[in-house]
Amino acid sequence: MSNPMRIAVCGAGAWGTTVALHLANQGHDVFLMPRRPEHATRLRSDDENRDYLPGFPFQNRIKVETLYRTILPSIDVVFLASPSYALREWCGRIKDSVANSLPNQLFISLAKGLEIETGKTPCEIIQDCLPEAATGSLSGPTFAGEVASSMPAAMTLAVESVGALAQAVQDRASGPNMRIYLSEDLRGVELGGCMKNVYAVAAGVCQGLGLGDNTLAALLTRALAEMVRVGTSFGAKPETFYGLSGFGDLVATCHGKWSRNRTFGELIAKGEKASAIIERQNTAVEGYRTAKAFHLQCEAKGIEAPILEQVYRILYEDKSPKAALLDLMSRDLKRE
């Protein structure tokens, strides 16, 4: 392809690896950067990510690297593929390496969770750590295994102001199996990606209780309405939540068999403790921490969010899912 980009993906979980493979297939010069040196060694020797994305060999399409100071200064786009709770650590790790190249680079978050302590979105965390960085968020209904298998998908790339580099990423990351749309509602795209994980936990609870399709349809409909209300209260544009990063991601995460958040909810409905499930997980369940972050933010701002609140009480106060459902069904009736 013409004008290939130099791209670094920081974080080698399932989604980071998938994004690296997709971009390499588009003809770009891609460096996958794991957090742990021993993981990098395994990736090179195995020629695939057996821990998080088995069955998709690299075949020399990507380079596995941990030499941040050597590689990052010459990179065009840095994808930060860590969970939201590890994002500050990642930014601190690469800060010195990109100190002189920030003005010419775009830092794109792949995370979908709020920081509990601050309530900040992933891009706000990046801006805290790298104040001069141009930031963006790539979000949408994309399960890693399906994208890695080259099944058709679509995503939204959100930036505060669309410039030449963002347009280049849209153009050069799109292809026969991936369509990328641009948005200037960075806040809305990030909040949609965060909230849908909490609602996916609720969907999993419904699934685990065997409540049927009617219940799930009602939950998703009211979750979307709540997502719009909460999101706009935080400064997002309402129409953003009807797009790929809102409604699209909500549907995929609440229905998809790949969804860790939905599976997490199913286990809770069957009697397992949230904290015990999290302790044994080797992959992030963003909905767990994000439920607490939204609880704290909505409480502080006086925002009504009954579904988010009931998920928080199930996860952090051991409220029984059936009692939470009863409380939701017993709320005062009103017009839709």
C-alpha atoms as a PDB file:
ATOM      1  CA  MET A   1       0.000   0.000   0.000  1.00  0.00           C
ATOM      2  CA  SER A   2       1.072   3.639  -0.388  1.00  0.00           C
ATOM      3  CA  ASN A   3       2.362   5.543   2.618  1.00  0.00           C
ATOM      4  CA  PRO A   4       2.399   2.788   5.246  1.00  0.00           C
ATOM      5  CA  MET A   5       2.418   4.071   8.817  1.00  0.00           C
ATOM      6  CA  ARG A   6       4.718   3.127  11.677  1.00  0.00           C
ATOM      7  CA  ILE A   7       2.444   1.933  14.471  1.00  0.00           C
ATOM      8  CA  ALA A   8       3.046   0.750  18.035  1.00  0.00           C
ATOM      9  CA  VAL A   9       0.488  -1.203  20.039  1.00  0.00           C
ATOM     10  CA  CYS A  10       1.272  -0.992  23.763  1.00  0.00           C
ATOM     11  CA  GLY A  11      -0.305  -3.961  25.494  1.00  0.00           C
ATOM     12  CA  ALA A  12      -0.467  -7.507  24.144  1.00  0.00           C
ATOM     13  CA  GLY A  13      -3.789  -8.822  25.356  1.00  0.00           C
ATOM     14  CA  ALA A  14      -6.355 -10.272  22.951  1.00  0.00           C
ATOM     15  CA  TRP A  15      -7.553  -6.950  21.580  1.00  0.00           C
ATOM     16  CA  GLY A  16      -4.123  -5.311  21.353  1.00  0.00           C
ATOM     17  CA  THR A  17      -2.825  -8.331  19.455  1.00  0.00           C
ATOM     18  CA  THR A  18      -5.849  -8.303  17.152  1.00  0.00           C
ATOM     19  CA  VAL A  19      -5.409  -4.612  16.339  1.00  0.00           C
ATOM     20  CA  ALA A  20      -1.714  -5.203  15.636  1.00  0.00           C
ATOM     21  CA  LEU A  21      -2.515  -8.072  13.264  1.00  0.00           C
ATOM     22  CA  HIS A  22      -5.253  -6.108  11.497  1.00  0.00           C
ATOM     23  CA  LEU A  23      -3.012  -3.091  10.944  1.00  0.00           C
ATOM     24  CA  ALA A  24      -0.153  -5.282   9.743  1.00  0.00           C
ATOM     25  CA  ASN A  25      -2.519  -6.896   7.245  1.00  0.00           C
ATOM     26  CA  GLN A  26      -3.230  -3.384   5.947  1.00  0.00           C
ATOM     27  CA  GLY A  27       0.457  -3.055   5.101  1.00  0.00           C
ATOM     28  CA  HIS A  28       1.681  -0.995   8.041  1.00  0.00           C
ATOM     29  CA  ASP A  29       4.927  -1.377   9.974  1.00  0.00           C
ATOM     30  CA  VAL A  30       3.576  -2.615  13.313  1.00  0.00           C
ATOM     31  CA  PHE A  31       5.329  -3.135  16.657  1.00  0.00           C
ATOM     32  CA  LEU A  32       3.488  -5.078  19.389  1.00  0.00           C
ATOM     33  CA  MET A  33       4.801  -4.121  22.835  1.00  0.00           C
ATOM     34  CA  PRO A  34       3.888  -6.418  25.747  1.00  0.00           C
ATOM     35  CA  ARG A  35       4.056  -5.181  29.323  1.00  0.00           C
ATOM     36  CA  ARG A  36       6.229  -8.071  30.518  1.00  0.00           C
ATOM     37  CA  PRO A  37       9.572  -9.035  28.910  1.00  0.00           C
ATOM     38  CA  GLU A  38       8.892 -12.734  29.513  1.00  0.00           C
ATOM     39  CA  HIS A  39       5.625 -12.407  27.587  1.00  0.00           C
ATOM     40  CA  ALA A  40       7.525 -10.834  24.685  1.00  0.00           C
ATOM     41  CA  THR A  41       9.906 -13.808  24.703  1.00  0.00           C
ATOM     42  CA  ARG A  42       6.989 -16.259  24.518  1.00  0.00           C
ATOM     43  CA  LEU A  43       5.317 -14.317  21.711  1.00  0.00           C
ATOM     44  CA  ARG A  44       8.481 -14.473  19.635  1.00  0.00           C
ATOM     45  CA  SER A  45       9.109 -18.173  20.266  1.00  0.00           C
ATOM     46  CA  ASP A  46       5.468 -19.223  19.775  1.00  0.00           C
ATOM     47  CA  ASP A  47       4.849 -16.902  16.798  1.00  0.00           C
ATOM     48  CA  GLU A  48       1.396 -16.208  18.253  1.00  0.00           C
ATOM     49  CA  ASN A  49      -0.241 -15.015  21.454  1.00  0.00           C
ATOM     50  CA  ARG A  50      -1.158 -18.343  23.039  1.00  0.00           C
ATOM     51  CA  ASP A  51      -2.095 -16.684  26.339  1.00  0.00           C
ATOM     52  CA  TYR A  52      -4.743 -14.330  24.953  1.00  0.00           C
ATOM     53  CA  LEU A  53      -5.357 -14.980  21.242  1.00  0.00           C
ATOM     54  CA  PRO A  54      -4.400 -18.562  20.347  1.00  0.00           C
ATOM     55  CA  GLY A  55      -4.750 -19.789  16.813  1.00  0.00           C
ATOM     56  CA  PHE A  56      -3.650 -16.644  14.983  1.00  0.00           C
ATOM     57  CA  PRO A  57       0.046 -16.953  14.069  1.00  0.00           C
ATOM     58  CA  PHE A  58       2.020 -13.776  13.449  1.00  0.00           C
ATOM     59  CA  GLN A  59       3.888 -15.137  10.383  1.00  0.00           C
ATOM     60  CA  ASN A  60       6.363 -12.238  10.527  1.00  0.00           C
ATOM     61  CA  ARG A  61       3.575  -9.712  10.059  1.00  0.00           C
ATOM     62  CA  ILE A  62       4.324  -7.875  13.316  1.00  0.00           C
ATOM     63  CA  LYS A  63       7.449  -7.208  15.355  1.00  0.00           C
ATOM     64  CA  VAL A  64       7.389  -7.918  19.098  1.00  0.00           C
ATOM     65  CA  GLU A  65       9.408  -5.251  20.935  1.00  0.00           C
ATOM     66  CA  THR A  66      10.086  -3.917  24.434  1.00  0.00           C
ATOM     67  CA  LEU A  67      12.701  -1.285  23.497  1.00  0.00           C
ATOM     68  CA  TYR A  68      10.448   1.730  23.997  1.00  0.00           C
ATOM     69  CA  ARG A  69      13.209   4.358  23.753  1.00  0.00           C
ATOM     70  CA  THR A  70      14.443   2.909  20.472  1.00  0.00           C
ATOM     71  CA  ILE A  71      11.103   2.371  18.736  1.00  0.00           C
ATOM     72  CA  LEU A  72       8.582   4.929  20.005  1.00  0.00           C
ATOM     73  CA  PRO A  73      10.243   8.211  18.891  1.00  0.00           C
ATOM     74  CA  SER A  74       9.792   7.230  15.231  1.00  0.00           C
ATOM     75  CA  ILE A  75       6.201   6.002  15.555  1.00  0.00           C
ATOM     76  CA  ASP A  76       3.252   7.789  13.868  1.00  0.00           C
ATOM     77  CA  VAL A  77       0.421   6.301  15.934  1.00  0.00           C
ATOM     78  CA  VAL A  78       0.547   4.706  19.389  1.00  0.00           C
ATOM     79  CA  PHE A  79      -2.372   2.458  20.325  1.00  0.00           C
ATOM     80  CA  LEU A  80      -2.712   2.009  24.093  1.00  0.00           C
ATOM     81  CA  ALA A  81      -4.269  -1.412  24.517  1.00  0.00           C
ATOM     82  CA  SER A  82      -4.170  -1.835  28.294  1.00  0.00           C
ATOM     83  CA  PRO A  83      -7.190  -2.019  30.615  1.00  0.00           C
ATOM     84  CA  SER A  84      -8.208   1.410  31.906  1.00  0.00           C
ATOM     85  CA  TYR A  85      -6.849   0.696  35.394  1.00  0.00           C
ATOM     86  CA  ALA A  86      -3.352   0.079  33.965  1.00  0.00           C
ATOM     87  CA  LEU A  87      -3.314   3.060  31.616  1.00  0.00           C
ATOM     88  CA  ARG A  88      -1.484   5.470  33.922  1.00  0.00           C
ATOM     89  CA  GLU A  89       1.243   2.895  34.427  1.00  0.00           C
ATOM     90  CA  TRP A  90       1.637   2.471  30.666  1.00  0.00           C
ATOM     91  CA  CYS A  91       1.789   6.227  30.086  1.00  0.00           C
ATOM     92  CA  GLY A  92       4.430   6.556  32.790  1.00  0.00           C
ATOM     93  CA  ARG A  93       6.420   3.762  31.202  1.00  0.00           C
ATOM     94  CA  ILE A  94       6.591   5.407  27.768  1.00  0.00           C
ATOM     95  CA  LYS A  95       6.597   9.078  28.809  1.00  0.00           C
ATOM     96  CA  ASP A  96      10.341   9.658  28.515  1.00  0.00           C
ATOM     97  CA  SER A  97      10.515   7.755  25.218  1.00  0.00           C
ATOM     98  CA  VAL A  98       7.975  10.015  23.482  1.00  0.00           C
ATOM     99  CA  ALA A  99       8.903  13.308  25.179  1.00  0.00           C
ATOM    100  CA  ASN A 100      10.369  14.805  21.997  1.00  0.00           C
ATOM    101  CA  SER A 101       8.020  13.228  19.450  1.00  0.00           C
ATOM    102  CA  LEU A 102       4.593  14.007  20.983  1.00  0.00           C
ATOM    103  CA  PRO A 103       3.626  16.831  18.590  1.00  0.00           C
ATOM    104  CA  ASN A 104       3.853  14.500  15.587  1.00  0.00           C
ATOM    105  CA  GLN A 105       2.065  11.497  17.070  1.00  0.00           C
ATOM    106  CA  LEU A 106      -1.497  10.400  17.797  1.00  0.00           C
ATOM    107  CA  PHE A 107      -2.215   8.331  20.921  1.00  0.00           C
ATOM    108  CA  ILE A 108      -5.319   6.182  20.517  1.00  0.00           C
ATOM    109  CA  SER A 109      -6.933   4.466  23.492  1.00  0.00           C
ATOM    110  CA  LEU A 110      -8.493   1.033  23.117  1.00  0.00           C
ATOM    111  CA  ALA A 111      -9.614   0.945  26.784  1.00  0.00           C
ATOM    112  CA  LYS A 112     -13.267   1.027  27.874  1.00  0.00           C
ATOM    113  CA  GLY A 113     -13.453   1.866  31.561  1.00  0.00           C
ATOM    114  CA  LEU A 114     -13.507   4.801  33.980  1.00  0.00           C
ATOM    115  CA  GLU A 115     -10.786   5.306  36.564  1.00  0.00           C
ATOM    116  CA  ILE A 116     -12.326   4.708  39.984  1.00  0.00           C
ATOM    117  CA  GLU A 117     -10.250   7.287  41.881  1.00  0.00           C
ATOM    118  CA  THR A 118     -10.862  10.182  39.467  1.00  0.00           C
ATOM    119  CA  GLY A 119     -13.801   9.207  37.276  1.00  0.00           C
ATOM    120  CA  LYS A 120     -11.659  10.063  34.245  1.00  0.00           C
ATOM    121  CA  THR A 121     -11.986   8.447  30.841  1.00  0.00           C
ATOM    122  CA  PRO A 122      -8.974   6.755  29.204  1.00  0.00           C
ATOM    123  CA  CYS A 123      -8.144   9.760  27.014  1.00  0.00           C
ATOM    124  CA  GLU A 124      -8.331  12.068  30.028  1.00  0.00           C
ATOM    125  CA  ILE A 125      -5.833   9.799  31.774  1.00  0.00           C
ATOM    126  CA  ILE A 126      -3.517   9.962  28.759  1.00  0.00           C
ATOM    127  CA  GLN A 127      -3.816  13.764  28.710  1.00  0.00           C
ATOM    128  CA  ASP A 128      -2.980  13.872  32.424  1.00  0.00           C
ATOM    129  CA  CYS A 129       0.213  11.918  31.849  1.00  0.00           C
ATOM    130  CA  LEU A 130       1.157  13.271  28.415  1.00  0.00           C
ATOM    131  CA  PRO A 131      -0.266  16.830  28.355  1.00  0.00           C
ATOM    132  CA  GLU A 132       1.001  17.622  24.854  1.00  0.00           C
ATOM    133  CA  ALA A 133      -0.349  14.445  23.271  1.00  0.00           C
ATOM    134  CA  ALA A 134      -3.096  14.385  20.653  1.00  0.00           C
ATOM    135  CA  THR A 135      -5.498  11.682  21.785  1.00  0.00           C
ATOM    136  CA  GLY A 136      -8.272   9.587  20.324  1.00  0.00           C
ATOM    137  CA  SER A 137     -10.421   6.573  21.103  1.00  0.00           C
ATOM    138  CA  LEU A 138     -11.173   3.637  18.817  1.00  0.00           C
ATOM    139  CA  SER A 139     -14.385   1.961  19.891  1.00  0.00           C
ATOM    140  CA  GLY A 140     -17.219  -0.172  18.580  1.00  0.00           C
ATOM    141  CA  PRO A 141     -18.717  -3.666  18.471  1.00  0.00           C
ATOM    142  CA  THR A 142     -15.601  -5.737  17.885  1.00  0.00           C
ATOM    143  CA  PHE A 143     -14.804  -9.081  19.472  1.00  0.00           C
ATOM    144  CA  ALA A 144     -11.135  -9.928  19.074  1.00  0.00           C
ATOM    145  CA  GLY A 145     -11.581 -13.416  17.630  1.00  0.00           C
ATOM    146  CA  GLU A 146     -13.960 -12.230  14.928  1.00  0.00           C
ATOM    147  CA  VAL A 147     -11.763  -9.321  13.842  1.00  0.00           C
ATOM    148  CA  ALA A 148      -8.688 -11.573  13.867  1.00  0.00           C
ATOM    149  CA  SER A 149     -10.629 -13.972  11.637  1.00  0.00           C
ATOM    150  CA  SER A 150     -11.228 -11.099   9.179  1.00  0.00           C
ATOM    151  CA  MET A 151     -14.995 -11.029   9.688  1.00  0.00           C
ATOM    152  CA  PRO A 152     -16.523  -7.673   8.600  1.00  0.00           C
ATOM    153  CA  ALA A 153     -16.761  -5.037  11.351  1.00  0.00           C
ATOM    154  CA  ALA A 154     -17.083  -1.298  11.843  1.00  0.00           C
ATOM    155  CA  MET A 155     -15.722   1.076  14.482  1.00  0.00           C
ATOM    156  CA  THR A 156     -15.630   4.744  15.436  1.00  0.00           C
ATOM    157  CA  LEU A 157     -12.410   6.719  15.787  1.00  0.00           C
ATOM    158  CA  ALA A 158     -13.115   9.714  18.013  1.00  0.00           C
ATOM    159  CA  VAL A 159     -10.837  12.734  18.346  1.00  0.00           C
ATOM    160  CA  GLU A 160     -11.517  16.196  19.743  1.00  0.00           C
ATOM    161  CA  SER A 161     -10.646  17.797  16.418  1.00  0.00           C
ATOM    162  CA  VAL A 162     -10.233  15.902  13.166  1.00  0.00           C
ATOM    163  CA  GLY A 163      -6.818  16.596  11.658  1.00  0.00           C
ATOM    164  CA  ALA A 164      -4.687  15.065   8.935  1.00  0.00           C
ATOM    165  CA  LEU A 165      -3.301  12.279  11.117  1.00  0.00           C
ATOM    166  CA  ALA A 166      -6.751  11.145  12.305  1.00  0.00           C
ATOM    167  CA  GLN A 167      -7.988  11.141   8.710  1.00  0.00           C
ATOM    168  CA  ALA A 168      -4.935   9.126   7.698  1.00  0.00           C
ATOM    169  CA  VAL A 169      -5.666   6.550  10.406  1.00  0.00           C
ATOM    170  CA  GLN A 170      -9.291   6.315   9.272  1.00  0.00           C
ATOM    171  CA  ASP A 171      -8.221   5.780   5.673  1.00  0.00           C
ATOM    172  CA  ARG A 172      -5.305   3.437   6.242  1.00  0.00           C
ATOM    173  CA  ALA A 173      -6.796   1.340   9.035  1.00  0.00           C
ATOM    174  CA  SER A 174      -9.988   0.743   7.064  1.00  0.00           C
ATOM    175  CA  GLY A 175     -10.076  -2.076   4.539  1.00  0.00           C
ATOM    176  CA  PRO A 176     -12.174  -4.863   3.041  1.00  0.00           C
ATOM    177  CA  ASN A 177     -13.089  -6.198   6.499  1.00  0.00           C
ATOM    178  CA  MET A 178     -13.036  -3.018   8.601  1.00  0.00           C
ATOM    179  CA  ARG A 179     -14.877   0.275   8.154  1.00  0.00           C
ATOM    180  CA  ILE A 180     -13.893   3.179  10.419  1.00  0.00           C
ATOM    181  CA  TYR A 181     -16.006   6.283  10.974  1.00  0.00           C
ATOM    182  CA  LEU A 182     -14.739   9.560  12.436  1.00  0.00           C
ATOM    183  CA  SER A 183     -16.333  11.441  15.339  1.00  0.00           C
ATOM    184  CA  GLU A 184     -15.447  14.629  17.185  1.00  0.00           C
ATOM    185  CA  ASP A 185     -17.464  13.610  20.260  1.00  0.00           C
ATOM    186  CA  LEU A 186     -14.539  12.012  22.065  1.00  0.00           C
ATOM    187  CA  ARG A 187     -16.319  12.168  25.409  1.00  0.00           C
ATOM    188  CA  GLY A 188     -19.450  10.482  24.104  1.00  0.00           C
ATOM    189  CA  VAL A 189     -17.566   7.683  22.366  1.00  0.00           C
ATOM    190  CA  GLU A 190     -15.528   6.964  25.490  1.00  0.00           C
ATOM    191  CA  LEU A 191     -18.505   7.074  27.858  1.00  0.00           C
ATOM    192  CA  GLY A 192     -20.527   4.749  25.624  1.00  0.00           C
ATOM    193  CA  GLY A 193     -17.693   2.239  25.604  1.00  0.00           C
ATOM    194  CA  CYS A 194     -17.445   2.430  29.388  1.00  0.00           C
ATOM    195  CA  MET A 195     -21.143   2.194  30.228  1.00  0.00           C
ATOM    196  CA  LYS A 196     -21.941  -0.689  27.895  1.00  0.00           C
ATOM    197  CA  ASN A 197     -19.635  -2.941  29.936  1.00  0.00           C
ATOM    198  CA  VAL A 198     -21.707  -2.330  33.064  1.00  0.00           C
ATOM    199  CA  TYR A 199     -24.933  -3.027  31.196  1.00  0.00           C
ATOM    200  CA  ALA A 200     -23.382  -6.213  29.821  1.00  0.00           C
ATOM    201  CA  VAL A 201     -22.925  -7.411  33.404  1.00  0.00           C
ATOM    202  CA  ALA A 202     -26.666  -6.783  33.925  1.00  0.00           C
ATOM    203  CA  ALA A 203     -27.438  -8.691  30.721  1.00  0.00           C
ATOM    204  CA  GLY A 204     -25.355 -11.596  31.964  1.00  0.00           C
ATOM    205  CA  VAL A 205     -27.264 -11.594  35.246  1.00  0.00           C
ATOM    206  CA  CYS A 206     -30.547 -11.805  33.304  1.00  0.00           C
ATOM    207  CA  GLN A 207     -29.114 -14.626  31.212  1.00  0.00           C
ATOM    208  CA  GLY A 208     -27.852 -16.456  34.282  1.00  0.00           C
ATOM    209  CA  LEU A 209     -31.259 -16.204  35.940  1.00  0.00           C
ATOM    210  CA  GLY A 210     -32.908 -17.624  32.808  1.00  0.00           C
ATOM    211  CA  LEU A 211     -35.215 -14.641  32.425  1.00  0.00           C
ATOM    212  CA  GLY A 212     -35.681 -14.925  28.673  1.00  0.00           C
ATOM    213  CA  ASP A 213     -35.585 -12.694  25.620  1.00  0.00           C
ATOM    214  CA  ASN A 214     -38.342 -10.302  26.708  1.00  0.00           C
ATOM    215  CA  THR A 215     -36.399  -9.332  29.821  1.00  0.00           C
ATOM    216  CA  LEU A 216     -33.152  -8.856  27.917  1.00  0.00           C
ATOM    217  CA  ALA A 217     -34.842  -6.727  25.257  1.00  0.00           C
ATOM    218  CA  ALA A 218     -36.433  -4.531  27.919  1.00  0.00           C
ATOM    219  CA  LEU A 219     -33.100  -4.207  29.737  1.00  0.00           C
ATOM    220  CA  LEU A 220     -31.208  -3.137  26.610  1.00  0.00           C
ATOM    221  CA  THR A 221     -33.896  -0.616  25.662  1.00  0.00           C
ATOM    222  CA  ARG A 222     -33.868   1.023  29.084  1.00  0.00           C
ATOM    223  CA  ALA A 223     -30.063   0.761  29.277  1.00  0.00           C
ATOM    224  CA  LEU A 224     -29.775   2.766  26.059  1.00  0.00           C
ATOM    225  CA  ALA A 225     -32.120   5.423  27.435  1.00  0.00           C
ATOM    226  CA  GLU A 226     -30.054   5.562  30.639  1.00  0.00           C
ATOM    227  CA  MET A 227     -26.813   5.687  28.642  1.00  0.00           C
ATOM    228  CA  VAL A 228     -28.075   8.766  26.763  1.00  0.00           C
ATOM    229  CA  ARG A 229     -29.270  10.473  29.952  1.00  0.00           C
ATOM    230  CA  VAL A 230     -26.093   9.833  31.911  1.00  0.00           C
ATOM    231  CA  GLY A 231     -23.805  10.539  28.962  1.00  0.00           C
ATOM    232  CA  THR A 232     -25.362  13.892  28.140  1.00  0.00           C
ATOM    233  CA  SER A 233     -25.170  14.841  31.828  1.00  0.00           C
ATOM    234  CA  PHE A 234     -21.409  14.320  31.492  1.00  0.00           C
ATOM    235  CA  GLY A 235     -21.201  16.541  28.416  1.00  0.00           C
ATOM    236  CA  ALA A 236     -21.572  14.064  25.549  1.00  0.00           C
ATOM    237  CA  LYS A 237     -23.758  14.475  22.465  1.00  0.00           C
ATOM    238  CA  PRO A 238     -26.932  12.338  22.600  1.00  0.00           C
ATOM    239  CA  GLU A 239     -26.662  11.142  18.995  1.00  0.00           C
ATOM    240  CA  THR A 240     -23.305   9.511  19.697  1.00  0.00           C
ATOM    241  CA  PHE A 241     -24.974   6.836  21.831  1.00  0.00           C
ATOM    242  CA  TYR A 242     -27.100   5.672  18.899  1.00  0.00           C
ATOM    243  CA  GLY A 243     -23.954   4.891  16.896  1.00  0.00           C
ATOM    244  CA  LEU A 244     -21.374   2.122  16.810  1.00  0.00           C
ATOM    245  CA  SER A 245     -19.655   3.093  20.064  1.00  0.00           C
ATOM    246  CA  GLY A 246     -22.968   3.268  21.931  1.00  0.00           C
ATOM    247  CA  PHE A 247     -25.886   1.141  20.743  1.00  0.00           C
ATOM    248  CA  GLY A 248     -23.687  -1.014  18.494  1.00  0.00           C
ATOM    249  CA  ASP A 249     -21.240  -1.930  21.231  1.00  0.00           C
ATOM    250  CA  LEU A 250     -24.080  -2.346  23.749  1.00  0.00           C
ATOM    251  CA  VAL A 251     -25.819  -4.955  21.577  1.00  0.00           C
ATOM    252  CA  ALA A 252     -22.600  -6.861  20.841  1.00  0.00           C
ATOM    253  CA  THR A 253     -21.381  -6.933  24.427  1.00  0.00           C
ATOM    254  CA  CYS A 254     -24.732  -7.923  25.869  1.00  0.00           C
ATOM    255  CA  HIS A 255     -25.380 -10.686  23.320  1.00  0.00           C
ATOM    256  CA  GLY A 256     -21.962 -11.889  22.177  1.00  0.00           C
ATOM    257  CA  LYS A 257     -20.648 -15.245  23.322  1.00  0.00           C
ATOM    258  CA  TRP A 258     -17.171 -13.651  23.577  1.00  0.00           C
ATOM    259  CA  SER A 259     -18.237 -11.031  26.139  1.00  0.00           C
ATOM    260  CA  ARG A 260     -16.269 -11.302  29.396  1.00  0.00           C
ATOM    261  CA  ASN A 261     -18.619  -8.847  31.098  1.00  0.00           C
ATOM    262  CA  ARG A 262     -21.722 -10.823  30.190  1.00  0.00           C
ATOM    263  CA  THR A 263     -20.093 -14.083  31.307  1.00  0.00           C
ATOM    264  CA  PHE A 264     -19.120 -12.357  34.557  1.00  0.00           C
ATOM    265  CA  GLY A 265     -22.780 -11.448  35.135  1.00  0.00           C
ATOM    266  CA  GLU A 266     -23.920 -15.002  34.412  1.00  0.00           C
ATOM    267  CA  LEU A 267     -21.554 -16.387  37.055  1.00  0.00           C
ATOM    268  CA  ILE A 268     -22.825 -13.884  39.623  1.00  0.00           C
ATOM    269  CA  ALA A 269     -26.426 -14.877  38.891  1.00  0.00           C
ATOM    270  CA  LYS A 270     -25.459 -18.455  39.648  1.00  0.00           C
ATOM    271  CA  GLY A 271     -24.226 -17.515  43.100  1.00  0.00           C
ATOM    272  CA  GLU A 272     -20.530 -16.680  42.719  1.00  0.00           C
ATOM    273  CA  LYS A 273     -19.027 -13.623  44.435  1.00  0.00           C
ATOM    274  CA  ALA A 274     -17.847 -10.824  42.172  1.00  0.00           C
ATOM    275  CA  SER A 275     -14.554 -10.351  44.003  1.00  0.00           C
ATOM    276  CA  ALA A 276     -13.758 -14.075  43.802  1.00  0.00           C
ATOM    277  CA  ILE A 277     -14.357 -14.143  40.049  1.00  0.00           C
ATOM    278  CA  ILE A 278     -12.138 -11.092  39.520  1.00  0.00           C
ATOM    279  CA  GLU A 279      -9.314 -12.613  41.569  1.00  0.00           C
ATOM    280  CA  ARG A 280      -9.046 -15.656  39.313  1.00  0.00           C
ATOM    281  CA  GLN A 281      -9.409 -13.784  36.002  1.00  0.00           C
ATOM    282  CA  ASN A 282      -6.323 -13.302  33.849  1.00  0.00           C
ATOM    283  CA  THR A 283      -8.164 -10.906  31.531  1.00  0.00           C
ATOM    284  CA  ALA A 284      -9.844  -7.594  32.375  1.00  0.00           C
ATOM    285  CA  VAL A 285     -13.549  -7.359  33.206  1.00  0.00           C
ATOM    286  CA  GLU A 286     -13.900  -3.602  32.786  1.00  0.00           C
ATOM    287  CA  GLY A 287     -17.525  -3.536  33.916  1.00  0.00           C
ATOM    288  CA  TYR A 288     -16.545  -4.456  37.486  1.00  0.00           C
ATOM    289  CA  ARG A 289     -14.440  -1.386  38.262  1.00  0.00           C
ATOM    290  CA  THR A 290     -16.429   0.895  35.971  1.00  0.00           C
ATOM    291  CA  ALA A 291     -19.646   0.152  37.873  1.00  0.00           C
ATOM    292  CA  LYS A 292     -18.045   1.604  40.997  1.00  0.00           C
ATOM    293  CA  ALA A 293     -16.636   4.593  39.119  1.00  0.00           C
ATOM    294  CA  PHE A 294     -20.065   5.480  37.697  1.00  0.00           C
ATOM    295  CA  HIS A 295     -21.710   4.972  41.085  1.00  0.00           C
ATOM    296  CA  LEU A 296     -19.328   7.493  42.649  1.00  0.00           C
ATOM    297  CA  GLN A 297     -19.671   9.991  39.807  1.00  0.00           C
ATOM    298  CA  CYS A 298     -23.472   9.782  39.557  1.00  0.00           C
ATOM    299  CA  GLU A 299     -23.832  10.040  43.325  1.00  0.00           C
ATOM    300  CA  ALA A 300     -21.586  13.118  43.425  1.00  0.00           C
ATOM    301  CA  LYS A 301     -23.447  14.821  40.565  1.00  0.00           C
ATOM    302  CA  GLY A 302     -26.968  13.760  41.617  1.00  0.00           C
ATOM    303  CA  ILE A 303     -27.587  11.834  38.373  1.00  0.00           C
ATOM    304  CA  GLU A 304     -30.298   9.140  38.423  1.00  0.00           C
ATOM    305  CA  ALA A 305     -29.060   5.889  36.883  1.00  0.00           C
ATOM    306  CA  PRO A 306     -31.069   2.995  38.337  1.00  0.00           C
ATOM    307  CA  ILE A 307     -29.568   0.181  36.232  1.00  0.00           C
ATOM    308  CA  LEU A 308     -25.980   1.288  36.833  1.00  0.00           C
ATOM    309  CA  GLU A 309     -26.805   1.643  40.526  1.00  0.00           C
ATOM    310  CA  GLN A 310     -28.304  -1.829  40.891  1.00  0.00           C
ATOM    311  CA  VAL A 311     -25.296  -3.399  39.142  1.00  0.00           C
ATOM    312  CA  TYR A 312     -23.030  -1.568  41.595  1.00  0.00           C
ATOM    313  CA  ARG A 313     -25.019  -2.916  44.554  1.00  0.00           C
ATOM    314  CA  ILE A 314     -24.860  -6.468  43.202  1.00  0.00           C
ATOM    315  CA  LEU A 315     -21.098  -6.270  42.667  1.00  0.00           C
ATOM    316  CA  TYR A 316     -20.004  -4.327  45.752  1.00  0.00           C
ATOM    317  CA  GLU A 317     -22.750  -4.793  48.352  1.00  0.00           C
ATOM    318  CA  ASP A 318     -23.633  -8.440  47.608  1.00  0.00           C
ATOM    319  CA  LYS A 319     -27.215  -7.546  46.812  1.00  0.00           C
ATOM    320  CA  SER A 320     -29.016 -10.529  45.347  1.00  0.00           C
ATOM    321  CA  PRO A 321     -29.731 -10.211  41.615  1.00  0.00           C
ATOM    322  CA  LYS A 322     -33.385 -11.113  42.195  1.00  0.00           C
ATOM    323  CA  ALA A 323     -33.752  -8.326  44.754  1.00  0.00           C
ATOM    324  CA  ALA A 324     -32.118  -5.873  42.358  1.00  0.00           C
ATOM    325  CA  LEU A 325     -34.521  -6.909  39.596  1.00  0.00           C
ATOM    326  CA  LEU A 326     -37.489  -6.505  41.930  1.00  0.00           C
ATOM    327  CA  ASP A 327     -36.359  -2.988  42.841  1.00  0.00           C
ATOM    328  CA  LEU A 328     -36.076  -2.043  39.179  1.00  0.00           C
ATOM    329  CA  MET A 329     -39.516  -3.478  38.379  1.00  0.00           C
ATOM    330  CA  SER A 330     -41.078  -1.729  41.393  1.00  0.00           C
ATOM    331  CA  ARG A 331     -39.977   1.788  40.445  1.00  0.00           C
ATOM    332  CA  ASP A 332     -42.715   4.388  39.929  1.00  0.00           C
ATOM    333  CA  LEU A 333     -44.402   4.050  36.560  1.00  0.00           C
ATOM    334  CA  LYS A 334     -43.950   6.886  34.066  1.00  0.00           C
ATOM    335  CA  ARG A 335     -44.168   7.785  30.377  1.00  0.00           C
ATOM    336  CA  GLU A 336     -41.501   6.377  28.095  1.00  0.00           C
END
